[in-house]
Amino acid sequence: MSRNHLAAIPRHKLNATAMSSQVGRDEEQSDPRAEARSDRGDSPEGASLYGGLAEKAAAELDKTSSASRFKVEQTIVGLLGLATLSVCLYNIVVRFVAPSLTLEWSDEVQVYITVWAIFLVLGVVTAADRHVKADLFVGMFSGTVQKRLHIFSDVLGLAFSLLLVYYGALITWQSYAFDDLSISSLRFPLWIYMAALPVGFSLAAVHYVFRIVGHFRLRG
């Protein structure tokens, strides 16, 4: 457009046109949706970050859904936790209302129930892949190498679980054979307490087998 044509346009129209174009640029810059679209698609770094977060969220949802299939174990652990809280609450209330009804063995029973709940939940934790792990180093490798390392990790977990099942069963049998009892007035058979170790890691071993089989099915 020539300078003569610009001179023929009224000044207030030129100002309105300039202001509308500036407002349009400001809205585009301040629009979070436009920024999100730019982060996801315009730059390779944004697309890579968005894709990584999406894959991680999908993996977490898949782990949660896989763990939800084992309702029996979760229900048993929840009932054991409820029993521990009930015994503790009963003793607290009775100490203020009727001290003569206080259960002197309540602390001991709470320990036994809590230990059993902890070991029984090993199966669900293994199925959901919720064990504590440092995967920063593993994340530096390619996808194929990561899958192989995950298989190797599950094989080691299975071997460790079977080892603890063996020694736990051995200790439990010795406690049963020698008729070991607690030193409290309850005289609780300690082999029941010891049995939590082999039972819990037996569940973990079973779920490790499921995980290893699942890895090879995905590869097939």
N, C-alpha and C. Protein backbone atom coordinates (compact mmCIF):
# COMPACT_ATOMS: atom_id res chain seq x y z
N MET A 1 0.86 -1.18 0.00
CA MET A 1 0.00 0.00 0.00
C MET A 1 0.90 1.24 0.00
N SER A 2 0.61 2.20 -0.88
CA SER A 2 1.47 3.38 -1.02
C SER A 2 1.21 4.37 0.10
N ARG A 3 2.14 5.36 0.20
CA ARG A 3 2.00 6.37 1.25
C ARG A 3 0.80 7.27 1.01
N ASN A 4 0.44 7.51 -0.26
CA ASN A 4 -0.74 8.34 -0.55
C ASN A 4 -2.02 7.67 -0.11
N HIS A 5 -2.10 6.36 -0.36
CA HIS A 5 -3.29 5.63 0.09
C HIS A 5 -3.40 5.65 1.60
N LEU A 6 -2.29 5.47 2.34
CA LEU A 6 -2.33 5.53 3.79
C LEU A 6 -2.77 6.89 4.28
N ALA A 7 -2.33 7.91 3.58
CA ALA A 7 -2.73 9.27 3.99
C ALA A 7 -4.21 9.49 3.79
N ALA A 8 -4.81 8.81 2.81
CA ALA A 8 -6.25 8.98 2.56
C ALA A 8 -7.11 8.29 3.61
N ILE A 9 -6.57 7.30 4.34
CA ILE A 9 -7.34 6.59 5.35
C ILE A 9 -7.40 7.44 6.60
N PRO A 10 -8.53 7.59 7.21
CA PRO A 10 -8.63 8.39 8.44
C PRO A 10 -7.73 7.83 9.53
N ARG A 11 -7.22 8.74 10.39
CA ARG A 11 -6.27 8.33 11.42
C ARG A 11 -6.90 7.40 12.44
N HIS A 12 -8.19 7.61 12.80
CA HIS A 12 -8.80 6.77 13.84
C HIS A 12 -8.95 5.33 13.36
N LYS A 13 -9.14 5.10 12.05
CA LYS A 13 -9.23 3.73 11.52
C LYS A 13 -7.86 3.04 11.59
N LEU A 14 -6.81 3.80 11.27
CA LEU A 14 -5.48 3.21 11.37
C LEU A 14 -5.15 2.81 12.79
N ASN A 15 -5.53 3.67 13.74
CA ASN A 15 -5.27 3.34 15.15
C ASN A 15 -6.05 2.12 15.59
N ALA A 16 -7.31 1.99 15.15
CA ALA A 16 -8.13 0.83 15.52
C ALA A 16 -7.56 -0.45 14.95
N THR A 17 -7.10 -0.37 13.70
CA THR A 17 -6.51 -1.55 13.08
C THR A 17 -5.24 -1.99 13.80
N ALA A 18 -4.39 -1.03 14.17
CA ALA A 18 -3.16 -1.36 14.88
C ALA A 18 -3.45 -1.95 16.25
N MET A 19 -4.45 -1.37 16.94
CA MET A 19 -4.79 -1.88 18.28
C MET A 19 -5.34 -3.29 18.21
N SER A 20 -6.21 -3.60 17.23
CA SER A 20 -6.78 -4.94 17.11
C SER A 20 -5.71 -5.98 16.81
N SER A 21 -4.75 -5.62 15.94
CA SER A 21 -3.69 -6.58 15.63
C SER A 21 -2.80 -6.82 16.85
N GLN A 22 -2.54 -5.75 17.66
CA GLN A 22 -1.72 -5.94 18.86
C GLN A 22 -2.44 -6.79 19.89
N VAL A 23 -3.77 -6.57 20.06
CA VAL A 23 -4.56 -7.39 20.99
C VAL A 23 -4.56 -8.84 20.57
N GLY A 24 -4.68 -9.08 19.26
CA GLY A 24 -4.64 -10.46 18.76
C GLY A 24 -3.33 -11.14 19.08
N ARG A 25 -2.22 -10.42 18.94
CA ARG A 25 -0.91 -11.02 19.27
C ARG A 25 -0.78 -11.28 20.76
N ASP A 26 -1.31 -10.35 21.60
CA ASP A 26 -1.23 -10.56 23.05
C ASP A 26 -2.04 -11.76 23.49
N GLU A 27 -3.26 -11.93 22.93
CA GLU A 27 -4.10 -13.06 23.29
C GLU A 27 -3.45 -14.38 22.87
N GLU A 28 -2.82 -14.38 21.71
CA GLU A 28 -2.17 -15.59 21.24
C GLU A 28 -1.01 -15.97 22.15
N GLN A 29 -0.28 -14.92 22.64
CA GLN A 29 0.85 -15.21 23.50
C GLN A 29 0.41 -15.65 24.89
N SER A 30 -0.73 -15.12 25.40
CA SER A 30 -1.16 -15.44 26.75
C SER A 30 -2.10 -16.63 26.82
N ASP A 31 -2.52 -17.19 25.70
CA ASP A 31 -3.45 -18.31 25.70
C ASP A 31 -2.71 -19.58 26.13
N PRO A 32 -3.07 -20.19 27.28
CA PRO A 32 -2.35 -21.40 27.72
C PRO A 32 -2.55 -22.56 26.79
N ARG A 33 -3.73 -22.63 26.13
CA ARG A 33 -3.96 -23.73 25.19
C ARG A 33 -3.02 -23.65 24.00
N ALA A 34 -2.78 -22.40 23.55
CA ALA A 34 -1.83 -22.24 22.44
C ALA A 34 -0.43 -22.64 22.87
N GLU A 35 -0.06 -22.30 24.13
CA GLU A 35 1.25 -22.70 24.62
C GLU A 35 1.35 -24.21 24.74
N ALA A 36 0.26 -24.85 25.23
CA ALA A 36 0.28 -26.31 25.36
C ALA A 36 0.40 -26.97 24.00
N ARG A 37 -0.33 -26.40 23.00
CA ARG A 37 -0.22 -26.97 21.65
C ARG A 37 1.19 -26.80 21.12
N SER A 38 1.79 -25.63 21.42
CA SER A 38 3.16 -25.43 20.96
C SER A 38 4.12 -26.39 21.64
N ASP A 39 3.91 -26.65 22.96
CA ASP A 39 4.79 -27.57 23.68
C ASP A 39 4.66 -28.98 23.17
N ARG A 40 3.43 -29.36 22.78
CA ARG A 40 3.20 -30.74 22.35
C ARG A 40 3.66 -30.99 20.93
N GLY A 41 3.38 -30.03 20.05
CA GLY A 41 3.59 -30.35 18.65
C GLY A 41 4.63 -29.56 17.92
N ASP A 42 4.82 -28.28 18.34
CA ASP A 42 5.69 -27.43 17.54
C ASP A 42 7.16 -27.76 17.74
N SER A 43 7.58 -28.06 19.00
CA SER A 43 8.99 -28.34 19.26
C SER A 43 9.19 -29.82 19.53
N PRO A 44 10.30 -30.39 19.08
CA PRO A 44 10.57 -31.81 19.36
C PRO A 44 10.73 -32.10 20.84
N GLU A 45 11.30 -31.12 21.60
CA GLU A 45 11.47 -31.35 23.03
C GLU A 45 10.12 -31.45 23.74
N GLY A 46 9.19 -30.57 23.37
CA GLY A 46 7.86 -30.61 23.98
C GLY A 46 7.12 -31.87 23.64
N ALA A 47 7.22 -32.30 22.39
CA ALA A 47 6.54 -33.54 21.99
C ALA A 47 7.12 -34.74 22.72
N SER A 48 8.44 -34.77 22.89
CA SER A 48 9.07 -35.88 23.59
C SER A 48 8.66 -35.91 25.06
N LEU A 49 8.64 -34.72 25.71
CA LEU A 49 8.24 -34.65 27.11
C LEU A 49 6.79 -35.08 27.30
N TYR A 50 5.91 -34.58 26.43
CA TYR A 50 4.50 -34.93 26.52
C TYR A 50 4.29 -36.42 26.29
N GLY A 51 4.99 -36.99 25.33
CA GLY A 51 4.86 -38.42 25.06
C GLY A 51 5.36 -39.27 26.21
N GLY A 52 6.48 -38.85 26.85
CA GLY A 52 7.00 -39.59 27.99
C GLY A 52 6.05 -39.57 29.17
N LEU A 53 5.45 -38.41 29.44
CA LEU A 53 4.48 -38.33 30.54
C LEU A 53 3.24 -39.16 30.26
N ALA A 54 2.80 -39.16 29.01
CA ALA A 54 1.63 -39.97 28.66
C ALA A 54 1.90 -41.45 28.82
N GLU A 55 3.09 -41.90 28.39
CA GLU A 55 3.44 -43.31 28.54
C GLU A 55 3.55 -43.70 30.02
N LYS A 56 4.12 -42.84 30.83
CA LYS A 56 4.24 -43.13 32.26
C LYS A 56 2.87 -43.21 32.92
N ALA A 57 1.96 -42.30 32.57
CA ALA A 57 0.61 -42.34 33.14
C ALA A 57 -0.12 -43.60 32.72
N ALA A 58 0.03 -44.01 31.46
CA ALA A 58 -0.62 -45.24 30.99
C ALA A 58 -0.06 -46.46 31.72
N ALA A 59 1.26 -46.46 31.96
CA ALA A 59 1.87 -47.58 32.67
C ALA A 59 1.38 -47.65 34.10
N GLU A 60 1.23 -46.50 34.76
CA GLU A 60 0.74 -46.49 36.13
C GLU A 60 -0.70 -46.99 36.20
N LEU A 61 -1.54 -46.58 35.24
CA LEU A 61 -2.91 -47.06 35.21
C LEU A 61 -2.97 -48.56 34.97
N ASP A 62 -2.09 -49.07 34.12
CA ASP A 62 -2.05 -50.50 33.86
C ASP A 62 -1.62 -51.27 35.09
N LYS A 63 -0.67 -50.74 35.86
CA LYS A 63 -0.25 -51.40 37.09
C LYS A 63 -1.38 -51.42 38.10
N THR A 64 -2.10 -50.32 38.22
CA THR A 64 -3.20 -50.26 39.18
C THR A 64 -4.29 -51.24 38.82
N SER A 65 -4.63 -51.35 37.52
CA SER A 65 -5.67 -52.28 37.10
C SER A 65 -5.24 -53.72 37.29
N SER A 66 -3.94 -54.03 37.09
CA SER A 66 -3.48 -55.39 37.30
C SER A 66 -3.52 -55.77 38.77
N ALA A 67 -3.20 -54.82 39.65
CA ALA A 67 -3.25 -55.11 41.08
C ALA A 67 -4.68 -55.27 41.58
N SER A 68 -5.64 -54.60 40.94
CA SER A 68 -7.02 -54.67 41.39
C SER A 68 -7.64 -56.04 41.15
N ARG A 69 -6.97 -56.92 40.39
CA ARG A 69 -7.52 -58.25 40.14
C ARG A 69 -7.39 -59.16 41.35
N PHE A 70 -6.52 -58.80 42.29
CA PHE A 70 -6.25 -59.66 43.43
C PHE A 70 -7.01 -59.12 44.65
N LYS A 71 -8.32 -59.20 44.57
CA LYS A 71 -9.17 -58.66 45.61
C LYS A 71 -9.09 -59.48 46.89
N VAL A 72 -8.86 -60.79 46.79
CA VAL A 72 -8.85 -61.65 47.97
C VAL A 72 -7.70 -61.25 48.90
N GLU A 73 -6.51 -61.09 48.34
CA GLU A 73 -5.36 -60.71 49.15
C GLU A 73 -5.56 -59.34 49.76
N GLN A 74 -6.07 -58.40 48.99
CA GLN A 74 -6.29 -57.06 49.51
C GLN A 74 -7.33 -57.07 50.62
N THR A 75 -8.37 -57.89 50.47
CA THR A 75 -9.41 -57.96 51.50
C THR A 75 -8.86 -58.55 52.79
N ILE A 76 -8.07 -59.61 52.68
CA ILE A 76 -7.49 -60.23 53.88
C ILE A 76 -6.57 -59.25 54.61
N VAL A 77 -5.73 -58.56 53.86
CA VAL A 77 -4.82 -57.58 54.47
C VAL A 77 -5.62 -56.45 55.13
N GLY A 78 -6.68 -56.00 54.47
CA GLY A 78 -7.52 -54.96 55.07
C GLY A 78 -8.19 -55.41 56.35
N LEU A 79 -8.65 -56.66 56.39
CA LEU A 79 -9.27 -57.18 57.61
C LEU A 79 -8.26 -57.32 58.74
N LEU A 80 -7.04 -57.72 58.41
CA LEU A 80 -6.00 -57.82 59.43
C LEU A 80 -5.66 -56.43 60.00
N GLY A 81 -5.58 -55.44 59.12
CA GLY A 81 -5.34 -54.08 59.60
C GLY A 81 -6.47 -53.58 60.48
N LEU A 82 -7.72 -53.91 60.11
CA LEU A 82 -8.87 -53.52 60.92
C LEU A 82 -8.84 -54.22 62.28
N ALA A 83 -8.41 -55.48 62.31
CA ALA A 83 -8.32 -56.20 63.58
C ALA A 83 -7.27 -55.56 64.50
N THR A 84 -6.14 -55.16 63.91
CA THR A 84 -5.09 -54.50 64.71
C THR A 84 -5.60 -53.21 65.32
N LEU A 85 -6.28 -52.41 64.51
CA LEU A 85 -6.83 -51.15 65.02
C LEU A 85 -7.90 -51.38 66.08
N SER A 86 -8.68 -52.43 65.93
CA SER A 86 -9.74 -52.73 66.90
C SER A 86 -9.16 -53.10 68.25
N VAL A 87 -8.13 -53.97 68.23
CA VAL A 87 -7.50 -54.36 69.49
C VAL A 87 -6.86 -53.16 70.17
N CYS A 88 -6.19 -52.32 69.39
CA CYS A 88 -5.55 -51.12 69.95
C CYS A 88 -6.59 -50.17 70.52
N LEU A 89 -7.67 -49.93 69.79
CA LEU A 89 -8.71 -49.02 70.25
C LEU A 89 -9.39 -49.56 71.52
N TYR A 90 -9.62 -50.86 71.57
CA TYR A 90 -10.23 -51.46 72.76
C TYR A 90 -9.37 -51.22 74.00
N ASN A 91 -8.09 -51.44 73.88
CA ASN A 91 -7.20 -51.26 75.03
C ASN A 91 -7.14 -49.80 75.47
N ILE A 92 -7.17 -48.87 74.51
CA ILE A 92 -7.12 -47.45 74.86
C ILE A 92 -8.37 -47.05 75.63
N VAL A 93 -9.53 -47.48 75.14
CA VAL A 93 -10.79 -47.11 75.80
C VAL A 93 -10.89 -47.76 77.18
N VAL A 94 -10.53 -49.03 77.27
CA VAL A 94 -10.68 -49.77 78.52
C VAL A 94 -9.76 -49.22 79.61
N ARG A 95 -8.61 -48.72 79.25
CA ARG A 95 -7.68 -48.18 80.25
C ARG A 95 -8.29 -46.99 81.00
N PHE A 96 -9.18 -46.24 80.34
CA PHE A 96 -9.82 -45.10 81.00
C PHE A 96 -11.15 -45.47 81.64
N VAL A 97 -11.84 -46.47 81.10
CA VAL A 97 -13.17 -46.83 81.60
C VAL A 97 -13.09 -47.91 82.66
N ALA A 98 -12.43 -49.03 82.35
CA ALA A 98 -12.33 -50.17 83.26
C ALA A 98 -10.94 -50.77 83.15
N PRO A 99 -9.98 -50.26 83.88
CA PRO A 99 -8.59 -50.74 83.75
C PRO A 99 -8.42 -52.23 84.02
N SER A 100 -9.32 -52.81 84.78
CA SER A 100 -9.20 -54.24 85.09
C SER A 100 -9.43 -55.12 83.86
N LEU A 101 -10.07 -54.59 82.84
CA LEU A 101 -10.36 -55.36 81.61
C LEU A 101 -9.28 -55.17 80.53
N THR A 102 -8.19 -54.51 80.89
CA THR A 102 -7.13 -54.28 79.91
C THR A 102 -6.47 -55.60 79.51
N LEU A 103 -6.22 -55.76 78.21
CA LEU A 103 -5.57 -56.97 77.69
C LEU A 103 -4.06 -56.76 77.71
N GLU A 104 -3.36 -57.48 78.56
CA GLU A 104 -1.92 -57.29 78.67
C GLU A 104 -1.17 -57.83 77.45
N TRP A 105 -1.81 -58.72 76.68
CA TRP A 105 -1.15 -59.29 75.51
C TRP A 105 -1.54 -58.57 74.22
N SER A 106 -2.20 -57.42 74.34
CA SER A 106 -2.68 -56.73 73.12
C SER A 106 -1.52 -56.28 72.24
N ASP A 107 -0.45 -55.76 72.84
CA ASP A 107 0.69 -55.31 72.03
C ASP A 107 1.31 -56.47 71.26
N GLU A 108 1.40 -57.62 71.91
CA GLU A 108 1.97 -58.79 71.25
C GLU A 108 1.11 -59.23 70.06
N VAL A 109 -0.19 -59.26 70.26
CA VAL A 109 -1.10 -59.68 69.18
C VAL A 109 -1.06 -58.68 68.03
N GLN A 110 -0.96 -57.40 68.34
CA GLN A 110 -0.87 -56.39 67.28
C GLN A 110 0.37 -56.60 66.42
N VAL A 111 1.47 -56.97 67.06
CA VAL A 111 2.70 -57.23 66.30
C VAL A 111 2.50 -58.43 65.38
N TYR A 112 1.91 -59.50 65.89
CA TYR A 112 1.69 -60.70 65.07
C TYR A 112 0.80 -60.40 63.86
N ILE A 113 -0.29 -59.69 64.10
CA ILE A 113 -1.23 -59.39 63.01
C ILE A 113 -0.58 -58.46 61.98
N THR A 114 0.16 -57.46 62.45
CA THR A 114 0.80 -56.52 61.53
C THR A 114 1.84 -57.22 60.66
N VAL A 115 2.63 -58.12 61.26
CA VAL A 115 3.64 -58.85 60.50
C VAL A 115 2.98 -59.70 59.42
N TRP A 116 1.89 -60.36 59.77
CA TRP A 116 1.19 -61.18 58.76
C TRP A 116 0.63 -60.30 57.64
N ALA A 117 0.08 -59.15 58.00
CA ALA A 117 -0.46 -58.25 56.96
C ALA A 117 0.64 -57.77 56.03
N ILE A 118 1.81 -57.45 56.58
CA ILE A 118 2.92 -56.96 55.76
C ILE A 118 3.38 -58.03 54.77
N PHE A 119 3.51 -59.26 55.24
CA PHE A 119 4.01 -60.31 54.34
C PHE A 119 2.94 -60.76 53.35
N LEU A 120 1.68 -60.71 53.73
CA LEU A 120 0.63 -61.10 52.78
C LEU A 120 0.48 -60.11 51.64
N VAL A 121 0.85 -58.86 51.87
CA VAL A 121 0.69 -57.85 50.82
C VAL A 121 1.82 -57.92 49.80
N LEU A 122 2.83 -58.76 50.03
CA LEU A 122 3.94 -58.86 49.08
C LEU A 122 3.46 -59.29 47.70
N GLY A 123 2.46 -60.16 47.65
CA GLY A 123 1.96 -60.61 46.36
C GLY A 123 1.36 -59.48 45.55
N VAL A 124 0.53 -58.65 46.20
CA VAL A 124 -0.10 -57.53 45.50
C VAL A 124 0.95 -56.51 45.07
N VAL A 125 1.92 -56.24 45.94
CA VAL A 125 2.98 -55.29 45.60
C VAL A 125 3.78 -55.79 44.40
N THR A 126 4.06 -57.10 44.35
CA THR A 126 4.79 -57.66 43.21
C THR A 126 3.97 -57.58 41.93
N ALA A 127 2.68 -57.90 42.03
CA ALA A 127 1.82 -57.86 40.85
C ALA A 127 1.71 -56.45 40.28
N ALA A 128 1.69 -55.44 41.16
CA ALA A 128 1.57 -54.06 40.72
C ALA A 128 2.91 -53.42 40.41
N ASP A 129 4.01 -54.17 40.58
CA ASP A 129 5.36 -53.66 40.35
C ASP A 129 5.63 -52.41 41.19
N ARG A 130 5.30 -52.51 42.48
CA ARG A 130 5.44 -51.38 43.39
C ARG A 130 6.62 -51.52 44.35
N HIS A 131 7.48 -52.48 44.10
CA HIS A 131 8.65 -52.60 44.96
C HIS A 131 9.57 -51.38 44.75
N VAL A 132 10.27 -51.01 45.81
CA VAL A 132 11.20 -49.88 45.72
C VAL A 132 12.33 -50.24 44.76
N LYS A 133 12.57 -49.37 43.80
CA LYS A 133 13.61 -49.64 42.81
C LYS A 133 14.16 -48.32 42.28
N ALA A 134 15.41 -48.37 41.86
CA ALA A 134 16.08 -47.22 41.26
C ALA A 134 16.20 -47.47 39.76
N ASP A 135 15.30 -46.88 38.98
CA ASP A 135 15.25 -47.14 37.54
C ASP A 135 15.83 -46.01 36.70
N LEU A 136 16.56 -45.10 37.35
CA LEU A 136 17.17 -44.00 36.59
C LEU A 136 18.21 -44.54 35.61
N PHE A 137 19.03 -45.46 36.07
CA PHE A 137 20.07 -46.04 35.21
C PHE A 137 19.45 -46.87 34.10
N VAL A 138 18.38 -47.62 34.44
CA VAL A 138 17.72 -48.45 33.43
C VAL A 138 17.08 -47.60 32.35
N GLY A 139 16.55 -46.43 32.75
CA GLY A 139 15.89 -45.56 31.78
C GLY A 139 16.80 -44.97 30.74
N MET A 140 18.12 -45.09 30.90
CA MET A 140 19.05 -44.57 29.91
C MET A 140 19.20 -45.48 28.70
N PHE A 141 18.75 -46.73 28.82
CA PHE A 141 18.91 -47.68 27.72
C PHE A 141 17.71 -47.63 26.78
N SER A 142 17.85 -48.33 25.69
CA SER A 142 16.76 -48.41 24.71
C SER A 142 15.64 -49.29 25.25
N GLY A 143 14.51 -49.28 24.55
CA GLY A 143 13.36 -50.04 25.00
C GLY A 143 13.62 -51.53 25.05
N THR A 144 14.34 -52.06 24.06
CA THR A 144 14.63 -53.50 24.04
C THR A 144 15.50 -53.91 25.22
N VAL A 145 16.52 -53.10 25.52
CA VAL A 145 17.41 -53.41 26.64
C VAL A 145 16.64 -53.29 27.96
N GLN A 146 15.76 -52.32 28.07
CA GLN A 146 14.97 -52.16 29.29
C GLN A 146 14.08 -53.38 29.54
N LYS A 147 13.48 -53.91 28.49
CA LYS A 147 12.64 -55.10 28.66
C LYS A 147 13.46 -56.29 29.14
N ARG A 148 14.66 -56.44 28.58
CA ARG A 148 15.52 -57.55 29.02
C ARG A 148 15.95 -57.37 30.47
N LEU A 149 16.23 -56.14 30.86
CA LEU A 149 16.61 -55.89 32.25
C LEU A 149 15.44 -56.13 33.19
N HIS A 150 14.23 -55.82 32.76
CA HIS A 150 13.05 -56.09 33.58
C HIS A 150 12.86 -57.60 33.77
N ILE A 151 13.08 -58.37 32.71
CA ILE A 151 12.99 -59.83 32.84
C ILE A 151 14.05 -60.34 33.80
N PHE A 152 15.28 -59.84 33.66
CA PHE A 152 16.37 -60.25 34.54
C PHE A 152 16.05 -59.88 35.99
N SER A 153 15.47 -58.71 36.21
CA SER A 153 15.09 -58.29 37.56
C SER A 153 14.03 -59.20 38.16
N ASP A 154 13.04 -59.58 37.35
CA ASP A 154 11.99 -60.48 37.85
C ASP A 154 12.53 -61.87 38.15
N VAL A 155 13.49 -62.33 37.34
CA VAL A 155 14.10 -63.63 37.60
C VAL A 155 14.87 -63.60 38.92
N LEU A 156 15.61 -62.52 39.17
CA LEU A 156 16.30 -62.38 40.45
C LEU A 156 15.32 -62.31 41.61
N GLY A 157 14.22 -61.59 41.41
CA GLY A 157 13.20 -61.52 42.46
C GLY A 157 12.60 -62.88 42.76
N LEU A 158 12.37 -63.67 41.72
CA LEU A 158 11.84 -65.02 41.91
C LEU A 158 12.83 -65.89 42.68
N ALA A 159 14.11 -65.82 42.31
CA ALA A 159 15.13 -66.61 43.00
C ALA A 159 15.24 -66.20 44.47
N PHE A 160 15.22 -64.91 44.73
CA PHE A 160 15.30 -64.43 46.11
C PHE A 160 14.07 -64.86 46.91
N SER A 161 12.90 -64.80 46.30
CA SER A 161 11.67 -65.21 46.99
C SER A 161 11.70 -66.69 47.33
N LEU A 162 12.13 -67.52 46.38
CA LEU A 162 12.20 -68.96 46.64
C LEU A 162 13.22 -69.27 47.73
N LEU A 163 14.32 -68.52 47.77
CA LEU A 163 15.32 -68.73 48.81
C LEU A 163 14.73 -68.44 50.19
N LEU A 164 13.98 -67.34 50.31
CA LEU A 164 13.37 -67.00 51.59
C LEU A 164 12.23 -67.95 51.94
N VAL A 165 11.55 -68.48 50.95
CA VAL A 165 10.52 -69.49 51.23
C VAL A 165 11.17 -70.73 51.85
N TYR A 166 12.29 -71.15 51.30
CA TYR A 166 12.97 -72.34 51.81
C TYR A 166 13.43 -72.13 53.25
N TYR A 167 14.18 -71.06 53.49
CA TYR A 167 14.70 -70.83 54.84
C TYR A 167 13.58 -70.46 55.82
N GLY A 168 12.57 -69.76 55.34
CA GLY A 168 11.44 -69.45 56.22
C GLY A 168 10.68 -70.70 56.63
N ALA A 169 10.49 -71.62 55.68
CA ALA A 169 9.83 -72.88 56.02
C ALA A 169 10.67 -73.70 56.98
N LEU A 170 11.98 -73.66 56.81
CA LEU A 170 12.88 -74.39 57.71
C LEU A 170 12.79 -73.86 59.14
N ILE A 171 12.82 -72.53 59.28
CA ILE A 171 12.73 -71.92 60.61
C ILE A 171 11.36 -72.19 61.23
N THR A 172 10.31 -72.13 60.41
CA THR A 172 8.97 -72.39 60.93
C THR A 172 8.85 -73.83 61.43
N TRP A 173 9.39 -74.77 60.68
CA TRP A 173 9.34 -76.16 61.10
C TRP A 173 10.13 -76.40 62.38
N GLN A 174 11.28 -75.77 62.51
CA GLN A 174 12.05 -75.91 63.74
C GLN A 174 11.31 -75.33 64.94
N SER A 175 10.66 -74.19 64.75
CA SER A 175 9.88 -73.60 65.84
C SER A 175 8.72 -74.50 66.23
N TYR A 176 8.10 -75.13 65.25
CA TYR A 176 6.99 -76.05 65.54
C TYR A 176 7.50 -77.31 66.24
N ALA A 177 8.64 -77.84 65.78
CA ALA A 177 9.17 -79.08 66.36
C ALA A 177 9.62 -78.87 67.80
N PHE A 178 10.19 -77.71 68.11
CA PHE A 178 10.66 -77.43 69.47
C PHE A 178 9.55 -76.83 70.35
N ASP A 179 8.38 -76.63 69.77
CA ASP A 179 7.23 -76.10 70.51
C ASP A 179 7.58 -74.75 71.18
N ASP A 180 8.12 -73.84 70.37
CA ASP A 180 8.47 -72.51 70.88
C ASP A 180 7.21 -71.70 71.17
N LEU A 181 7.19 -71.11 72.36
CA LEU A 181 6.05 -70.28 72.78
C LEU A 181 6.56 -68.91 73.19
N SER A 182 5.68 -67.91 73.09
CA SER A 182 6.05 -66.57 73.52
C SER A 182 6.20 -66.53 75.04
N ILE A 183 6.99 -65.57 75.53
CA ILE A 183 7.26 -65.50 76.96
C ILE A 183 6.17 -64.75 77.73
N SER A 184 5.18 -64.22 77.04
CA SER A 184 4.10 -63.50 77.70
C SER A 184 3.09 -64.49 78.28
N SER A 185 2.09 -63.96 78.94
CA SER A 185 1.05 -64.81 79.52
C SER A 185 0.19 -65.48 78.45
N LEU A 186 0.23 -64.96 77.25
CA LEU A 186 -0.56 -65.56 76.16
C LEU A 186 0.00 -66.91 75.74
N ARG A 187 1.33 -67.07 75.83
CA ARG A 187 1.98 -68.32 75.43
C ARG A 187 1.60 -68.70 74.00
N PHE A 188 1.80 -67.74 73.10
CA PHE A 188 1.39 -67.91 71.71
C PHE A 188 2.40 -68.79 70.99
N PRO A 189 1.95 -69.76 70.18
CA PRO A 189 2.89 -70.60 69.40
C PRO A 189 3.63 -69.75 68.37
N LEU A 190 4.93 -69.70 68.47
CA LEU A 190 5.72 -68.83 67.61
C LEU A 190 5.82 -69.34 66.18
N TRP A 191 5.52 -70.61 65.93
CA TRP A 191 5.60 -71.10 64.56
C TRP A 191 4.55 -70.42 63.67
N ILE A 192 3.43 -70.02 64.28
CA ILE A 192 2.41 -69.29 63.51
C ILE A 192 2.96 -67.92 63.10
N TYR A 193 3.67 -67.30 64.00
CA TYR A 193 4.31 -66.01 63.71
C TYR A 193 5.39 -66.17 62.64
N MET A 194 6.20 -67.22 62.75
CA MET A 194 7.27 -67.46 61.78
C MET A 194 6.73 -67.80 60.39
N ALA A 195 5.56 -68.40 60.33
CA ALA A 195 5.01 -68.86 59.05
C ALA A 195 4.67 -67.71 58.11
N ALA A 196 4.59 -66.50 58.64
CA ALA A 196 4.28 -65.35 57.77
C ALA A 196 5.35 -65.16 56.70
N LEU A 197 6.61 -65.47 57.03
CA LEU A 197 7.71 -65.28 56.07
C LEU A 197 7.58 -66.20 54.85
N PRO A 198 7.49 -67.52 55.01
CA PRO A 198 7.39 -68.36 53.81
C PRO A 198 6.08 -68.17 53.05
N VAL A 199 4.99 -67.90 53.77
CA VAL A 199 3.71 -67.70 53.08
C VAL A 199 3.74 -66.43 52.23
N GLY A 200 4.24 -65.35 52.81
CA GLY A 200 4.28 -64.09 52.07
C GLY A 200 5.17 -64.15 50.84
N PHE A 201 6.35 -64.76 50.97
CA PHE A 201 7.23 -64.83 49.81
C PHE A 201 6.81 -65.91 48.83
N SER A 202 5.99 -66.85 49.27
CA SER A 202 5.38 -67.78 48.30
C SER A 202 4.43 -67.03 47.37
N LEU A 203 3.65 -66.12 47.93
CA LEU A 203 2.76 -65.30 47.10
C LEU A 203 3.57 -64.43 46.15
N ALA A 204 4.66 -63.85 46.66
CA ALA A 204 5.51 -63.03 45.79
C ALA A 204 6.11 -63.86 44.67
N ALA A 205 6.54 -65.09 44.97
CA ALA A 205 7.12 -65.96 43.95
C ALA A 205 6.10 -66.29 42.86
N VAL A 206 4.87 -66.55 43.27
CA VAL A 206 3.82 -66.86 42.29
C VAL A 206 3.61 -65.68 41.35
N HIS A 207 3.57 -64.48 41.90
CA HIS A 207 3.36 -63.30 41.05
C HIS A 207 4.58 -62.99 40.20
N TYR A 208 5.76 -63.32 40.67
CA TYR A 208 6.95 -63.16 39.82
C TYR A 208 6.87 -64.11 38.62
N VAL A 209 6.38 -65.31 38.85
CA VAL A 209 6.20 -66.25 37.73
C VAL A 209 5.21 -65.68 36.72
N PHE A 210 4.12 -65.12 37.21
CA PHE A 210 3.14 -64.51 36.31
C PHE A 210 3.77 -63.37 35.50
N ARG A 211 4.60 -62.58 36.16
CA ARG A 211 5.23 -61.45 35.47
C ARG A 211 6.19 -61.94 34.39
N ILE A 212 6.99 -62.96 34.71
CA ILE A 212 7.95 -63.49 33.72
C ILE A 212 7.21 -64.08 32.53
N VAL A 213 6.16 -64.85 32.79
CA VAL A 213 5.37 -65.40 31.68
C VAL A 213 4.76 -64.29 30.85
N GLY A 214 4.29 -63.21 31.52
CA GLY A 214 3.73 -62.09 30.78
C GLY A 214 4.75 -61.40 29.90
N HIS A 215 5.99 -61.30 30.35
CA HIS A 215 7.03 -60.70 29.52
C HIS A 215 7.24 -61.50 28.22
N PHE A 216 7.30 -62.83 28.33
CA PHE A 216 7.53 -63.63 27.15
C PHE A 216 6.31 -63.66 26.23
N ARG A 217 5.14 -63.52 26.80
CA ARG A 217 3.94 -63.44 25.93
C ARG A 217 3.95 -62.15 25.13
N LEU A 218 4.37 -61.05 25.76
CA LEU A 218 4.45 -59.78 25.03
C LEU A 218 5.50 -59.85 23.94
N ARG A 219 6.60 -60.52 24.20
CA ARG A 219 7.64 -60.64 23.18
C ARG A 219 7.16 -61.51 22.02
N GLY A 220 6.37 -62.55 22.37
CA GLY A 220 5.86 -63.40 21.29
C GLY A 220 4.85 -62.69 20.44
